[in-house]
């Protein structure tokens, strides 16, 4: 067994001074170090004011009022379109109830052209 122990040494500590903070703050180490660099500020991603309302308002505070005005105009147009559609639907219903068939087709001479059904009736009467 003693032959196996020949040349063997116990592990020794790598550092003699184990107080690391005292070692780093010592004058000799501080002189050798470079001065600390100031922290750099990261620049954020530039946001498109045409797509991002908050950025647009920061650039142009009137944009909020302008957008409201545009939305109100659009709502008025939609309401007018709805009421006009209702009015036209009501007129069409009245015309249908009265028996109007819509536009009457006229020939070259300006007289009313008979429809297919009227034409067939006229042929039967003629026979």
C-alpha atoms as a PDB file:
ATOM      1  CA  UNK A   1       0.000   0.000   0.000  1.00  0.00           C
ATOM      2  CA  UNK A   2       2.755   2.430   0.784  1.00  0.00           C
ATOM      3  CA  UNK A   3       4.112   1.944  -2.741  1.00  0.00           C
ATOM      4  CA  UNK A   4       0.793   3.269  -4.131  1.00  0.00           C
ATOM      5  CA  UNK A   5       1.046   6.377  -1.940  1.00  0.00           C
ATOM      6  CA  UNK A   6       4.446   7.320  -3.288  1.00  0.00           C
ATOM      7  CA  UNK A   7       4.423  10.791  -4.960  1.00  0.00           C
ATOM      8  CA  UNK A   8       0.887  11.553  -3.787  1.00  0.00           C
ATOM      9  CA  UNK A   9       0.251  15.029  -2.317  1.00  0.00           C
ATOM     10  CA  UNK A  10      -2.842  16.339  -0.587  1.00  0.00           C
ATOM     11  CA  UNK A  11      -4.870  18.849  -2.642  1.00  0.00           C
ATOM     12  CA  UNK A  12      -3.976  22.418  -1.740  1.00  0.00           C
ATOM     13  CA  UNK A  13      -6.318  25.418  -2.024  1.00  0.00           C
ATOM     14  CA  UNK A  14      -5.859  27.507  -5.182  1.00  0.00           C
ATOM     15  CA  UNK A  15      -6.409  30.773  -3.301  1.00  0.00           C
ATOM     16  CA  UNK A  16      -4.480  31.712  -0.228  1.00  0.00           C
ATOM     17  CA  UNK A  17      -6.722  34.735   0.478  1.00  0.00           C
ATOM     18  CA  UNK A  18     -10.366  33.496   0.360  1.00  0.00           C
ATOM     19  CA  UNK A  19     -12.024  36.846   1.197  1.00  0.00           C
ATOM     20  CA  UNK A  20     -12.915  37.697  -2.412  1.00  0.00           C
ATOM     21  CA  UNK A  21     -14.608  41.089  -1.839  1.00  0.00           C
ATOM     22  CA  UNK A  22     -11.603  42.319   0.166  1.00  0.00           C
ATOM     23  CA  UNK A  23      -9.297  41.092  -2.587  1.00  0.00           C
ATOM     24  CA  UNK A  24     -11.260  42.797  -5.425  1.00  0.00           C
ATOM     25  CA  UNK A  25     -11.546  46.092  -3.559  1.00  0.00           C
ATOM     26  CA  UNK A  26      -7.850  46.204  -2.733  1.00  0.00           C
ATOM     27  CA  UNK A  27      -5.855  49.139  -4.167  1.00  0.00           C
ATOM     28  CA  UNK A  28      -3.491  46.953  -6.215  1.00  0.00           C
ATOM     29  CA  UNK A  29      -6.339  45.230  -8.071  1.00  0.00           C
ATOM     30  CA  UNK A  30      -8.328  48.485  -8.576  1.00  0.00           C
ATOM     31  CA  UNK A  31      -5.307  50.202 -10.166  1.00  0.00           C
ATOM     32  CA  UNK A  32      -4.914  47.389 -12.689  1.00  0.00           C
ATOM     33  CA  UNK A  33      -8.622  47.392 -13.715  1.00  0.00           C
ATOM     34  CA  UNK A  34     -10.085  49.526 -16.528  1.00  0.00           C
ATOM     35  CA  UNK A  35     -12.709  52.102 -15.481  1.00  0.00           C
ATOM     36  CA  UNK A  36     -16.334  50.933 -15.571  1.00  0.00           C
ATOM     37  CA  UNK A  37     -18.226  51.764 -18.769  1.00  0.00           C
ATOM     38  CA  UNK A  38     -21.517  53.659 -18.487  1.00  0.00           C
ATOM     39  CA  UNK A  39     -24.606  51.545 -19.176  1.00  0.00           C
ATOM     40  CA  UNK A  40     -25.905  51.992 -22.715  1.00  0.00           C
ATOM     41  CA  UNK A  41     -29.575  52.762 -23.216  1.00  0.00           C
ATOM     42  CA  UNK A  42     -31.390  50.501 -25.640  1.00  0.00           C
ATOM     43  CA  UNK A  43     -33.322  52.188 -28.395  1.00  0.00           C
ATOM     44  CA  UNK A  44     -36.824  50.773 -28.800  1.00  0.00           C
ATOM     45  CA  UNK A  45     -38.489  49.864 -32.066  1.00  0.00           C
ATOM     46  CA  UNK A  46     -39.928  52.894 -33.906  1.00  0.00           C
ATOM     47  CA  UNK A  47     -43.691  52.604 -34.086  1.00  0.00           C
ATOM     48  CA  UNK A  48     -45.740  53.713 -37.084  1.00  0.00           C
ATOM     49  CA  UNK A  49     -48.049  56.606 -36.088  1.00  0.00           C
ATOM     50  CA  UNK A  50     -50.457  55.759 -38.905  1.00  0.00           C
ATOM     51  CA  UNK A  51     -51.114  52.341 -37.355  1.00  0.00           C
ATOM     52  CA  UNK A  52     -50.549  53.131 -33.655  1.00  0.00           C
ATOM     53  CA  UNK A  53     -53.023  55.659 -32.226  1.00  0.00           C
ATOM     54  CA  UNK A  54     -51.021  56.402 -29.045  1.00  0.00           C
ATOM     55  CA  UNK A  55     -47.931  57.361 -31.049  1.00  0.00           C
ATOM     56  CA  UNK A  56     -50.061  59.490 -33.378  1.00  0.00           C
ATOM     57  CA  UNK A  57     -51.599  61.333 -30.418  1.00  0.00           C
ATOM     58  CA  UNK A  58     -48.134  62.036 -29.048  1.00  0.00           C
ATOM     59  CA  UNK A  59     -47.165  63.592 -32.378  1.00  0.00           C
ATOM     60  CA  UNK A  60     -50.502  65.249 -33.165  1.00  0.00           C
ATOM     61  CA  UNK A  61     -53.004  65.799 -30.311  1.00  0.00           C
ATOM     62  CA  UNK A  62     -55.678  66.995 -32.776  1.00  0.00           C
ATOM     63  CA  UNK A  63     -55.723  63.521 -34.381  1.00  0.00           C
ATOM     64  CA  UNK A  64     -58.152  62.291 -31.719  1.00  0.00           C
ATOM     65  CA  UNK A  65     -60.735  64.994 -32.524  1.00  0.00           C
ATOM     66  CA  UNK A  66     -60.225  64.552 -36.262  1.00  0.00           C
ATOM     67  CA  UNK A  67     -60.771  60.797 -36.022  1.00  0.00           C
ATOM     68  CA  UNK A  68     -63.980  61.332 -34.007  1.00  0.00           C
ATOM     69  CA  UNK A  69     -65.303  63.715 -36.650  1.00  0.00           C
ATOM     70  CA  UNK A  70     -64.511  61.188 -39.409  1.00  0.00           C
ATOM     71  CA  UNK A  71     -66.258  58.381 -37.515  1.00  0.00           C
ATOM     72  CA  UNK A  72     -69.368  60.513 -36.939  1.00  0.00           C
ATOM     73  CA  UNK A  73     -69.531  61.377 -40.651  1.00  0.00           C
ATOM     74  CA  UNK A  74     -69.233  57.701 -41.516  1.00  0.00           C
ATOM     75  CA  UNK A  75     -72.004  56.767 -39.065  1.00  0.00           C
ATOM     76  CA  UNK A  76     -74.290  59.416 -40.577  1.00  0.00           C
ATOM     77  CA  UNK A  77     -73.705  58.005 -44.068  1.00  0.00           C
ATOM     78  CA  UNK A  78     -74.507  54.487 -42.870  1.00  0.00           C
ATOM     79  CA  UNK A  79     -77.710  55.692 -41.168  1.00  0.00           C
ATOM     80  CA  UNK A  80     -78.769  57.609 -44.299  1.00  0.00           C
ATOM     81  CA  UNK A  81     -78.121  54.554 -46.442  1.00  0.00           C
ATOM     82  CA  UNK A  82     -80.223  52.389 -44.122  1.00  0.00           C
ATOM     83  CA  UNK A  83     -83.137  54.829 -44.127  1.00  0.00           C
ATOM     84  CA  UNK A  84     -83.003  55.230 -47.918  1.00  0.00           C
ATOM     85  CA  UNK A  85     -82.966  51.450 -48.350  1.00  0.00           C
ATOM     86  CA  UNK A  86     -86.001  51.166 -46.066  1.00  0.00           C
ATOM     87  CA  UNK A  87     -87.779  53.875 -48.039  1.00  0.00           C
ATOM     88  CA  UNK A  88     -87.050  52.208 -51.387  1.00  0.00           C
ATOM     89  CA  UNK A  89     -88.152  48.818 -50.078  1.00  0.00           C
ATOM     90  CA  UNK A  90     -91.421  50.359 -48.856  1.00  0.00           C
ATOM     91  CA  UNK A  91     -91.997  52.014 -52.273  1.00  0.00           C
ATOM     92  CA  UNK A  92     -91.344  48.719 -54.072  1.00  0.00           C
ATOM     93  CA  UNK A  93     -93.844  46.940 -51.820  1.00  0.00           C
ATOM     94  CA  UNK A  94     -96.482  49.596 -52.554  1.00  0.00           C
ATOM     95  CA  UNK A  95     -95.860  49.293 -56.305  1.00  0.00           C
ATOM     96  CA  UNK A  96     -96.149  45.505 -56.168  1.00  0.00           C
ATOM     97  CA  UNK A  97     -99.399  45.717 -54.203  1.00  0.00           C
ATOM     98  CA  UNK A  98    -100.870  48.154 -56.758  1.00  0.00           C
ATOM     99  CA  UNK A  99     -99.929  45.815 -59.576  1.00  0.00           C
ATOM    100  CA  UNK A 100     -97.079  47.737 -61.149  1.00  0.00           C
ATOM    101  CA  UNK A 101     -94.581  45.435 -62.810  1.00  0.00           C
ATOM    102  CA  UNK A 102     -91.655  47.829 -62.817  1.00  0.00           C
ATOM    103  CA  UNK A 103     -90.209  49.321 -66.009  1.00  0.00           C
ATOM    104  CA  UNK A 104     -92.321  48.935 -69.130  1.00  0.00           C
ATOM    105  CA  UNK A 105     -90.406  47.947 -72.272  1.00  0.00           C
ATOM    106  CA  UNK A 106     -91.057  50.157 -75.261  1.00  0.00           C
ATOM    107  CA  UNK A 107     -90.427  49.457 -78.899  1.00  0.00           C
ATOM    108  CA  UNK A 108     -88.903  51.676 -81.605  1.00  0.00           C
ATOM    109  CA  UNK A 109     -92.211  53.444 -82.190  1.00  0.00           C
ATOM    110  CA  UNK A 110     -92.507  54.364 -78.484  1.00  0.00           C
ATOM    111  CA  UNK A 111     -95.426  52.035 -77.818  1.00  0.00           C
ATOM    112  CA  UNK A 112     -95.483  49.421 -75.088  1.00  0.00           C
ATOM    113  CA  UNK A 113     -94.140  46.015 -76.137  1.00  0.00           C
ATOM    114  CA  UNK A 114     -96.254  43.063 -75.044  1.00  0.00           C
ATOM    115  CA  UNK A 115     -94.610  40.607 -72.676  1.00  0.00           C
ATOM    116  CA  UNK A 116     -94.334  36.925 -73.606  1.00  0.00           C
ATOM    117  CA  UNK A 117     -97.450  36.039 -71.624  1.00  0.00           C
ATOM    118  CA  UNK A 118     -99.449  38.871 -73.207  1.00  0.00           C
ATOM    119  CA  UNK A 119     -98.208  37.875 -76.662  1.00  0.00           C
ATOM    120  CA  UNK A 120     -99.389  34.282 -76.200  1.00  0.00           C
ATOM    121  CA  UNK A 121    -102.826  35.491 -75.010  1.00  0.00           C
ATOM    122  CA  UNK A 122    -103.143  37.705 -78.068  1.00  0.00           C
ATOM    123  CA  UNK A 123    -102.263  34.769 -80.379  1.00  0.00           C
ATOM    124  CA  UNK A 124    -104.904  32.549 -78.754  1.00  0.00           C
ATOM    125  CA  UNK A 125    -107.556  35.268 -79.150  1.00  0.00           C
ATOM    126  CA  UNK A 126    -106.632  35.721 -82.803  1.00  0.00           C
ATOM    127  CA  UNK A 127    -107.188  31.994 -83.489  1.00  0.00           C
END
